Structure formats: C-alpha cells, structure tokens
C-alpha cells in the first residue's frame, strides 16, 4: 500500500504543467450550462485558473483588455456580438491573449474566418474534453490548434487559406457597425440598441443606414438571413441556439 500511495503522489507531481506557470483563462460562452461544464473541465488542470466567466458578447473584449488573461476560450455563438468579431477586438486590445474558439460546427469557412480574425485555435463542441485541454497547452506554447476532424488539413494549409481569401463587404464594416448589425438581426429596436451600446438612438439609425447601404440590404429580413448565413446568428431550427 505504501508503494501504491507513493506512486500516486509521484503521478500527481508528474502531471503536465504542474511546475509550469499558471495559465489564466477567461471563459466566454452564452449558455450557462455549457459554461459551467467547461469551467469544471478546465479547473481539473492544476495549472489552469479561470479568472472570469462572461455570457454577453459585448462585454468580452473590455473584460479581456482589463484582465489580460493568457487564454480566452470563446464560443462562436454569443449574444450581443459573435465570436468572430470579438476575436478581432481582443487581438487589438490584448494581443498577448491567445484565443481558442468553440463551435458546434466543423465548417471550413468558420475555421478560416476564425484564423483570419486572429484566433489561435478552433475546437468543435463534440470533441473529447481532453482536446480542449490539449488545444490550450498548444497555444500557450506558441502553436496553433485545429480540432478533429478539421485537423486532416495541416495548420499551414488553414493559415494559407485564411490569409489568401479576399476581403468581402462585411469586413469593410466598422466594429460599431458590426455590433449594430448583430443586434438588429437579434431583433432589438434602435432605442434598445442605443441602451445596449450607450449611444444615442440617432447614432444607431445612422449606423443602420450605413450598414444597409454598404451591404446592399433592402429590409430587415435581408439582415437576418445574412447573419444566419455568415454564422453571426445560429439557424432558428437549431435547438441549442445561443443568441
């Protein structure tokens, strides 16, 4: 029994990362149940520390800029502002923070968009729990990580696709216009958007007009359908819709 106990202690001491610096993590996920599960998973690792959770996409970038975590684990589908646009803001405000995006989809265009906007990793939500831990360790070490089955393509190939894809009209929108576009697609009125963003209703109307002109939208339905097609919103038929 003594030998067994000693072996157990030795095993715990030899766990990866035990003597490594602590990895601070901010966890951004719109669904409370999923967020709690991911937090429990991460806190099983002795060198991981979740310093804050957030469920509102509009609050993520400012929180990361203030806390400067080593890693942001970020759901693609977030209310208020989607993960693809959040990662752009985070890269500007906290460039030392590595971002791993979580998605229920394994679509190539989503991986390309995530990497193009500055993410270091992309993990699908149906992956084994150990894969997220592995992804965090990889990006902390300076690497990049793409989840199975997407890992069939080498990371260099994904990066090439991300860098070579031409800009589209959406990418000409300002950060504020992207925020307004998503809130419009979510069904918020101009006055409600003004409250959410702490700007005037008149300013919201100006942004809405600019979005409609730049994107060649004719009506609200165009905005909603575009947001769904681009992955800004989840499909209405999705039972786990996060927006």
C-alpha atoms as a PDB file:
ATOM      1  CA  UNK A   1       0.000   0.000   0.000  1.00  0.00           C
ATOM      2  CA  UNK A   2       2.847   2.360   0.782  1.00  0.00           C
ATOM      3  CA  UNK A   3       4.289   1.812  -2.676  1.00  0.00           C
ATOM      4  CA  UNK A   4       0.908   2.463  -4.235  1.00  0.00           C
ATOM      5  CA  UNK A   5       0.452   5.702  -2.329  1.00  0.00           C
ATOM      6  CA  UNK A   6       3.936   6.815  -3.263  1.00  0.00           C
ATOM      7  CA  UNK A   7       3.258   6.048  -6.894  1.00  0.00           C
ATOM      8  CA  UNK A   8       0.040   8.086  -6.759  1.00  0.00           C
ATOM      9  CA  UNK A   9       1.886  11.081  -5.317  1.00  0.00           C
ATOM     10  CA  UNK A  10       4.602  10.741  -7.949  1.00  0.00           C
ATOM     11  CA  UNK A  11       1.964  10.513 -10.638  1.00  0.00           C
ATOM     12  CA  UNK A  12       0.283  13.728  -9.455  1.00  0.00           C
ATOM     13  CA  UNK A  13       3.600  15.521  -9.307  1.00  0.00           C
ATOM     14  CA  UNK A  14       4.449  14.445 -12.851  1.00  0.00           C
ATOM     15  CA  UNK A  15       1.201  15.741 -14.357  1.00  0.00           C
ATOM     16  CA  UNK A  16       1.838  18.039 -17.341  1.00  0.00           C
ATOM     17  CA  UNK A  17       2.061  21.643 -16.308  1.00  0.00           C
ATOM     18  CA  UNK A  18       2.416  21.099 -12.548  1.00  0.00           C
ATOM     19  CA  UNK A  19       5.681  23.048 -12.484  1.00  0.00           C
ATOM     20  CA  UNK A  20       4.654  25.367 -15.307  1.00  0.00           C
ATOM     21  CA  UNK A  21       3.486  28.954 -14.770  1.00  0.00           C
ATOM     22  CA  UNK A  22      -0.218  29.285 -14.089  1.00  0.00           C
ATOM     23  CA  UNK A  23      -2.356  29.701 -17.198  1.00  0.00           C
ATOM     24  CA  UNK A  24      -5.054  32.304 -16.614  1.00  0.00           C
ATOM     25  CA  UNK A  25      -8.234  31.854 -18.642  1.00  0.00           C
ATOM     26  CA  UNK A  26     -11.339  33.907 -19.380  1.00  0.00           C
ATOM     27  CA  UNK A  27     -14.286  31.768 -20.473  1.00  0.00           C
ATOM     28  CA  UNK A  28     -16.890  33.332 -22.788  1.00  0.00           C
ATOM     29  CA  UNK A  29     -19.955  31.216 -23.525  1.00  0.00           C
ATOM     30  CA  UNK A  30     -23.582  32.270 -23.827  1.00  0.00           C
ATOM     31  CA  UNK A  31     -25.161  29.148 -22.315  1.00  0.00           C
ATOM     32  CA  UNK A  32     -24.808  28.817 -18.541  1.00  0.00           C
ATOM     33  CA  UNK A  33     -24.886  25.024 -18.513  1.00  0.00           C
ATOM     34  CA  UNK A  34     -22.148  24.661 -21.130  1.00  0.00           C
ATOM     35  CA  UNK A  35     -20.089  27.399 -19.491  1.00  0.00           C
ATOM     36  CA  UNK A  36     -20.238  25.653 -16.111  1.00  0.00           C
ATOM     37  CA  UNK A  37     -19.234  22.336 -17.661  1.00  0.00           C
ATOM     38  CA  UNK A  38     -16.261  23.818 -19.485  1.00  0.00           C
ATOM     39  CA  UNK A  39     -15.141  25.610 -16.325  1.00  0.00           C
ATOM     40  CA  UNK A  40     -15.224  22.370 -14.341  1.00  0.00           C
ATOM     41  CA  UNK A  41     -13.177  20.678 -17.053  1.00  0.00           C
ATOM     42  CA  UNK A  42     -10.545  23.403 -17.094  1.00  0.00           C
ATOM     43  CA  UNK A  43     -10.234  23.653 -13.325  1.00  0.00           C
ATOM     44  CA  UNK A  44      -9.329  19.959 -13.131  1.00  0.00           C
ATOM     45  CA  UNK A  45      -5.945  21.019 -14.520  1.00  0.00           C
ATOM     46  CA  UNK A  46      -3.713  22.179 -11.659  1.00  0.00           C
ATOM     47  CA  UNK A  47      -2.023  24.913 -13.687  1.00  0.00           C
ATOM     48  CA  UNK A  48      -5.221  26.349 -15.216  1.00  0.00           C
ATOM     49  CA  UNK A  49      -7.167  29.118 -13.468  1.00  0.00           C
ATOM     50  CA  UNK A  50     -10.430  30.509 -14.838  1.00  0.00           C
ATOM     51  CA  UNK A  51     -10.299  34.127 -13.698  1.00  0.00           C
ATOM     52  CA  UNK A  52     -13.693  35.175 -15.051  1.00  0.00           C
ATOM     53  CA  UNK A  53     -16.743  33.932 -16.958  1.00  0.00           C
ATOM     54  CA  UNK A  54     -18.839  36.071 -19.290  1.00  0.00           C
ATOM     55  CA  UNK A  55     -22.033  35.365 -21.212  1.00  0.00           C
ATOM     56  CA  UNK A  56     -22.537  38.682 -23.066  1.00  0.00           C
ATOM     57  CA  UNK A  57     -20.557  39.079 -26.262  1.00  0.00           C
ATOM     58  CA  UNK A  58     -20.484  42.863 -25.951  1.00  0.00           C
ATOM     59  CA  UNK A  59     -18.576  42.625 -22.673  1.00  0.00           C
ATOM     60  CA  UNK A  60     -15.861  40.172 -23.659  1.00  0.00           C
ATOM     61  CA  UNK A  61     -13.234  42.404 -25.272  1.00  0.00           C
ATOM     62  CA  UNK A  62     -13.277  45.022 -22.497  1.00  0.00           C
ATOM     63  CA  UNK A  63     -13.022  42.306 -19.841  1.00  0.00           C
ATOM     64  CA  UNK A  64     -10.068  40.665 -21.577  1.00  0.00           C
ATOM     65  CA  UNK A  65      -8.370  44.037 -22.057  1.00  0.00           C
ATOM     66  CA  UNK A  66      -8.651  44.655 -18.318  1.00  0.00           C
ATOM     67  CA  UNK A  67      -7.662  41.203 -17.040  1.00  0.00           C
ATOM     68  CA  UNK A  68      -5.093  40.294 -19.727  1.00  0.00           C
ATOM     69  CA  UNK A  69      -5.570  36.502 -19.415  1.00  0.00           C
ATOM     70  CA  UNK A  70      -3.155  34.158 -21.151  1.00  0.00           C
ATOM     71  CA  UNK A  71      -6.044  32.444 -22.944  1.00  0.00           C
ATOM     72  CA  UNK A  72      -9.606  33.349 -23.937  1.00  0.00           C
ATOM     73  CA  UNK A  73     -11.864  30.350 -24.552  1.00  0.00           C
ATOM     74  CA  UNK A  74     -14.585  31.878 -26.713  1.00  0.00           C
ATOM     75  CA  UNK A  75     -17.803  30.442 -28.143  1.00  0.00           C
ATOM     76  CA  UNK A  76     -18.510  31.404 -31.743  1.00  0.00           C
ATOM     77  CA  UNK A  77     -22.198  31.936 -30.949  1.00  0.00           C
ATOM     78  CA  UNK A  78     -22.530  34.720 -28.381  1.00  0.00           C
ATOM     79  CA  UNK A  79     -25.439  37.100 -27.715  1.00  0.00           C
ATOM     80  CA  UNK A  80     -24.746  40.744 -28.490  1.00  0.00           C
ATOM     81  CA  UNK A  81     -21.618  40.130 -30.550  1.00  0.00           C
ATOM     82  CA  UNK A  82     -20.434  36.921 -32.170  1.00  0.00           C
ATOM     83  CA  UNK A  83     -17.087  35.268 -31.502  1.00  0.00           C
ATOM     84  CA  UNK A  84     -15.636  36.042 -34.926  1.00  0.00           C
ATOM     85  CA  UNK A  85     -15.939  39.777 -34.299  1.00  0.00           C
ATOM     86  CA  UNK A  86     -14.978  39.505 -30.631  1.00  0.00           C
ATOM     87  CA  UNK A  87     -11.650  37.920 -31.510  1.00  0.00           C
ATOM     88  CA  UNK A  88     -10.833  40.867 -33.800  1.00  0.00           C
ATOM     89  CA  UNK A  89     -11.369  43.279 -30.911  1.00  0.00           C
ATOM     90  CA  UNK A  90      -9.384  41.117 -28.493  1.00  0.00           C
ATOM     91  CA  UNK A  91      -6.417  40.936 -30.850  1.00  0.00           C
ATOM     92  CA  UNK A  92      -6.376  44.735 -30.976  1.00  0.00           C
ATOM     93  CA  UNK A  93      -6.775  45.304 -27.235  1.00  0.00           C
ATOM     94  CA  UNK A  94      -4.901  42.353 -25.710  1.00  0.00           C
ATOM     95  CA  UNK A  95      -2.553  40.908 -28.345  1.00  0.00           C
ATOM     96  CA  UNK A  96      -0.766  38.624 -25.863  1.00  0.00           C
ATOM     97  CA  UNK A  97      -4.026  36.749 -25.159  1.00  0.00           C
ATOM     98  CA  UNK A  98      -4.382  33.597 -27.246  1.00  0.00           C
ATOM     99  CA  UNK A  99      -7.952  32.882 -28.358  1.00  0.00           C
ATOM    100  CA  UNK A 100      -9.450  29.415 -28.756  1.00  0.00           C
ATOM    101  CA  UNK A 101     -12.847  29.368 -30.383  1.00  0.00           C
ATOM    102  CA  UNK A 102     -15.516  26.807 -29.529  1.00  0.00           C
ATOM    103  CA  UNK A 103     -18.139  25.918 -32.121  1.00  0.00           C
ATOM    104  CA  UNK A 104     -20.730  23.234 -32.703  1.00  0.00           C
ATOM    105  CA  UNK A 105     -19.883  23.387 -36.418  1.00  0.00           C
ATOM    106  CA  UNK A 106     -16.935  21.908 -38.303  1.00  0.00           C
ATOM    107  CA  UNK A 107     -17.366  24.107 -41.371  1.00  0.00           C
ATOM    108  CA  UNK A 108     -14.214  25.044 -43.232  1.00  0.00           C
ATOM    109  CA  UNK A 109     -15.376  28.630 -43.763  1.00  0.00           C
ATOM    110  CA  UNK A 110     -15.741  29.094 -39.989  1.00  0.00           C
ATOM    111  CA  UNK A 111     -12.199  27.885 -39.292  1.00  0.00           C
ATOM    112  CA  UNK A 112     -10.853  30.177 -41.994  1.00  0.00           C
ATOM    113  CA  UNK A 113     -12.754  33.147 -40.585  1.00  0.00           C
ATOM    114  CA  UNK A 114     -11.596  32.388 -37.037  1.00  0.00           C
ATOM    115  CA  UNK A 115      -7.930  32.174 -38.033  1.00  0.00           C
ATOM    116  CA  UNK A 116      -8.196  35.199 -40.310  1.00  0.00           C
ATOM    117  CA  UNK A 117      -9.565  37.279 -37.441  1.00  0.00           C
ATOM    118  CA  UNK A 118      -6.738  36.253 -35.118  1.00  0.00           C
ATOM    119  CA  UNK A 119      -7.767  33.074 -33.285  1.00  0.00           C
ATOM    120  CA  UNK A 120      -5.022  30.636 -32.315  1.00  0.00           C
ATOM    121  CA  UNK A 121      -7.273  27.600 -32.078  1.00  0.00           C
ATOM    122  CA  UNK A 122     -10.637  26.177 -33.141  1.00  0.00           C
ATOM    123  CA  UNK A 123     -12.265  23.329 -31.205  1.00  0.00           C
ATOM    124  CA  UNK A 124     -15.617  21.749 -32.022  1.00  0.00           C
ATOM    125  CA  UNK A 125     -18.000  21.188 -29.097  1.00  0.00           C
ATOM    126  CA  UNK A 126     -18.451  17.493 -29.861  1.00  0.00           C
ATOM    127  CA  UNK A 127     -14.709  16.888 -29.350  1.00  0.00           C
ATOM    128  CA  UNK A 128     -13.445  14.872 -26.404  1.00  0.00           C
ATOM    129  CA  UNK A 129     -12.860  17.026 -23.301  1.00  0.00           C
ATOM    130  CA  UNK A 130      -9.128  16.323 -23.373  1.00  0.00           C
ATOM    131  CA  UNK A 131      -8.927  18.007 -26.759  1.00  0.00           C
ATOM    132  CA  UNK A 132      -9.720  21.444 -25.338  1.00  0.00           C
ATOM    133  CA  UNK A 133      -7.026  20.998 -22.692  1.00  0.00           C
ATOM    134  CA  UNK A 134      -4.597  19.937 -25.403  1.00  0.00           C
ATOM    135  CA  UNK A 135      -5.527  22.969 -27.504  1.00  0.00           C
ATOM    136  CA  UNK A 136      -4.901  25.355 -24.606  1.00  0.00           C
ATOM    137  CA  UNK A 137      -1.478  23.852 -23.909  1.00  0.00           C
ATOM    138  CA  UNK A 138      -0.614  24.074 -27.605  1.00  0.00           C
ATOM    139  CA  UNK A 139      -1.473  27.756 -27.978  1.00  0.00           C
ATOM    140  CA  UNK A 140       0.186  28.689 -24.680  1.00  0.00           C
ATOM    141  CA  UNK A 141       3.356  27.127 -26.085  1.00  0.00           C
ATOM    142  CA  UNK A 142       3.040  29.416 -29.107  1.00  0.00           C
ATOM    143  CA  UNK A 143       1.411  26.983 -31.513  1.00  0.00           C
ATOM    144  CA  UNK A 144      -1.973  26.770 -33.205  1.00  0.00           C
ATOM    145  CA  UNK A 145      -4.609  24.100 -32.938  1.00  0.00           C
ATOM    146  CA  UNK A 146      -7.459  22.944 -35.156  1.00  0.00           C
ATOM    147  CA  UNK A 147      -9.821  20.304 -33.829  1.00  0.00           C
ATOM    148  CA  UNK A 148     -10.516  16.920 -35.337  1.00  0.00           C
ATOM    149  CA  UNK A 149     -11.817  16.191 -37.970  1.00  0.00           C
ATOM    150  CA  UNK A 150     -10.614  19.524 -39.331  1.00  0.00           C
ATOM    151  CA  UNK A 151      -7.047  18.618 -38.423  1.00  0.00           C
ATOM    152  CA  UNK A 152      -6.941  16.436 -41.541  1.00  0.00           C
ATOM    153  CA  UNK A 153      -5.596  19.611 -43.173  1.00  0.00           C
ATOM    154  CA  UNK A 154      -2.206  20.811 -41.838  1.00  0.00           C
ATOM    155  CA  UNK A 155      -2.338  24.084 -39.910  1.00  0.00           C
ATOM    156  CA  UNK A 156      -0.145  25.695 -42.568  1.00  0.00           C
ATOM    157  CA  UNK A 157      -2.866  24.985 -45.120  1.00  0.00           C
ATOM    158  CA  UNK A 158      -5.530  26.592 -42.929  1.00  0.00           C
ATOM    159  CA  UNK A 159      -3.348  29.662 -42.414  1.00  0.00           C
ATOM    160  CA  UNK A 160      -2.728  29.943 -46.165  1.00  0.00           C
ATOM    161  CA  UNK A 161      -6.454  29.803 -46.877  1.00  0.00           C
ATOM    162  CA  UNK A 162      -7.139  32.391 -44.170  1.00  0.00           C
ATOM    163  CA  UNK A 163      -4.507  34.791 -45.488  1.00  0.00           C
ATOM    164  CA  UNK A 164      -5.314  34.367 -49.183  1.00  0.00           C
ATOM    165  CA  UNK A 165      -9.079  34.769 -49.003  1.00  0.00           C
ATOM    166  CA  UNK A 166     -10.129  38.138 -50.443  1.00  0.00           C
ATOM    167  CA  UNK A 167     -11.924  40.658 -48.249  1.00  0.00           C
ATOM    168  CA  UNK A 168     -15.689  40.740 -48.517  1.00  0.00           C
ATOM    169  CA  UNK A 169     -18.065  43.649 -47.950  1.00  0.00           C
ATOM    170  CA  UNK A 170     -18.797  42.698 -44.326  1.00  0.00           C
ATOM    171  CA  UNK A 171     -15.132  43.159 -43.476  1.00  0.00           C
ATOM    172  CA  UNK A 172     -15.366  46.815 -44.510  1.00  0.00           C
ATOM    173  CA  UNK A 173     -17.817  47.498 -41.676  1.00  0.00           C
ATOM    174  CA  UNK A 174     -16.530  49.241 -38.559  1.00  0.00           C
ATOM    175  CA  UNK A 175     -16.570  47.474 -35.188  1.00  0.00           C
ATOM    176  CA  UNK A 176     -19.584  49.544 -34.156  1.00  0.00           C
ATOM    177  CA  UNK A 177     -21.447  48.736 -37.371  1.00  0.00           C
ATOM    178  CA  UNK A 178     -20.853  45.017 -36.761  1.00  0.00           C
ATOM    179  CA  UNK A 179     -22.268  45.353 -33.262  1.00  0.00           C
ATOM    180  CA  UNK A 180     -25.327  47.163 -34.576  1.00  0.00           C
ATOM    181  CA  UNK A 181     -25.819  44.637 -37.386  1.00  0.00           C
ATOM    182  CA  UNK A 182     -25.920  41.711 -34.959  1.00  0.00           C
ATOM    183  CA  UNK A 183     -28.266  43.469 -32.550  1.00  0.00           C
ATOM    184  CA  UNK A 184     -30.589  44.393 -35.423  1.00  0.00           C
ATOM    185  CA  UNK A 185     -30.543  40.750 -36.555  1.00  0.00           C
ATOM    186  CA  UNK A 186     -31.340  39.663 -32.993  1.00  0.00           C
ATOM    187  CA  UNK A 187     -34.462  41.797 -33.121  1.00  0.00           C
ATOM    188  CA  UNK A 188     -33.503  44.799 -30.985  1.00  0.00           C
ATOM    189  CA  UNK A 189     -35.128  48.157 -31.733  1.00  0.00           C
ATOM    190  CA  UNK A 190     -32.976  51.232 -32.313  1.00  0.00           C
ATOM    191  CA  UNK A 191     -33.760  52.532 -28.819  1.00  0.00           C
ATOM    192  CA  UNK A 192     -32.833  49.183 -27.256  1.00  0.00           C
ATOM    193  CA  UNK A 193     -29.601  49.073 -29.254  1.00  0.00           C
ATOM    194  CA  UNK A 194     -28.791  52.590 -28.101  1.00  0.00           C
ATOM    195  CA  UNK A 195     -29.183  51.469 -24.495  1.00  0.00           C
ATOM    196  CA  UNK A 196     -27.060  48.355 -25.017  1.00  0.00           C
ATOM    197  CA  UNK A 197     -24.244  50.280 -26.687  1.00  0.00           C
ATOM    198  CA  UNK A 198     -24.535  53.508 -24.630  1.00  0.00           C
ATOM    199  CA  UNK A 199     -25.024  55.658 -27.707  1.00  0.00           C
ATOM    200  CA  UNK A 200     -27.932  57.792 -28.921  1.00  0.00           C
ATOM    201  CA  UNK A 201     -30.822  56.381 -30.994  1.00  0.00           C
ATOM    202  CA  UNK A 202     -29.916  58.855 -33.722  1.00  0.00           C
ATOM    203  CA  UNK A 203     -26.405  57.406 -33.868  1.00  0.00           C
ATOM    204  CA  UNK A 204     -27.869  53.912 -34.098  1.00  0.00           C
ATOM    205  CA  UNK A 205     -30.047  54.999 -37.017  1.00  0.00           C
ATOM    206  CA  UNK A 206     -27.002  56.431 -38.767  1.00  0.00           C
ATOM    207  CA  UNK A 207     -25.152  53.127 -38.334  1.00  0.00           C
ATOM    208  CA  UNK A 208     -28.157  51.173 -39.561  1.00  0.00           C
ATOM    209  CA  UNK A 209     -28.372  53.329 -42.698  1.00  0.00           C
ATOM    210  CA  UNK A 210     -24.648  52.868 -43.329  1.00  0.00           C
ATOM    211  CA  UNK A 211     -24.942  49.083 -42.928  1.00  0.00           C
ATOM    212  CA  UNK A 212     -27.908  48.872 -45.297  1.00  0.00           C
ATOM    213  CA  UNK A 213     -26.037  50.927 -47.896  1.00  0.00           C
ATOM    214  CA  UNK A 214     -22.698  49.095 -47.654  1.00  0.00           C
ATOM    215  CA  UNK A 215     -24.232  45.618 -47.552  1.00  0.00           C
ATOM    216  CA  UNK A 216     -26.922  46.371 -50.170  1.00  0.00           C
ATOM    217  CA  UNK A 217     -29.693  45.193 -47.823  1.00  0.00           C
ATOM    218  CA  UNK A 218     -33.281  46.110 -48.694  1.00  0.00           C
ATOM    219  CA  UNK A 219     -35.025  45.222 -45.442  1.00  0.00           C
ATOM    220  CA  UNK A 220     -34.708  43.573 -42.037  1.00  0.00           C
ATOM    221  CA  UNK A 221     -35.191  40.091 -43.494  1.00  0.00           C
ATOM    222  CA  UNK A 222     -32.049  40.584 -45.594  1.00  0.00           C
ATOM    223  CA  UNK A 223     -30.122  41.404 -42.414  1.00  0.00           C
ATOM    224  CA  UNK A 224     -31.374  38.319 -40.552  1.00  0.00           C
ATOM    225  CA  UNK A 225     -30.772  35.913 -43.438  1.00  0.00           C
ATOM    226  CA  UNK A 226     -27.279  37.289 -43.965  1.00  0.00           C
ATOM    227  CA  UNK A 227     -26.446  36.997 -40.263  1.00  0.00           C
ATOM    228  CA  UNK A 228     -27.554  33.356 -40.243  1.00  0.00           C
ATOM    229  CA  UNK A 229     -25.672  32.519 -43.455  1.00  0.00           C
ATOM    230  CA  UNK A 230     -22.473  34.079 -42.151  1.00  0.00           C
ATOM    231  CA  UNK A 231     -22.658  32.350 -38.772  1.00  0.00           C
ATOM    232  CA  UNK A 232     -23.294  35.554 -36.808  1.00  0.00           C
ATOM    233  CA  UNK A 233     -26.583  34.012 -35.668  1.00  0.00           C
ATOM    234  CA  UNK A 234     -27.419  30.350 -35.282  1.00  0.00           C
ATOM    235  CA  UNK A 235     -30.078  28.828 -37.509  1.00  0.00           C
ATOM    236  CA  UNK A 236     -33.537  29.236 -35.949  1.00  0.00           C
ATOM    237  CA  UNK A 237     -34.083  25.457 -36.225  1.00  0.00           C
ATOM    238  CA  UNK A 238     -31.068  24.767 -34.031  1.00  0.00           C
ATOM    239  CA  UNK A 239     -32.359  23.541 -30.641  1.00  0.00           C
ATOM    240  CA  UNK A 240     -29.214  24.766 -28.912  1.00  0.00           C
ATOM    241  CA  UNK A 241     -29.353  28.237 -30.327  1.00  0.00           C
ATOM    242  CA  UNK A 242     -27.086  30.525 -28.291  1.00  0.00           C
ATOM    243  CA  UNK A 243     -28.204  34.002 -29.354  1.00  0.00           C
END
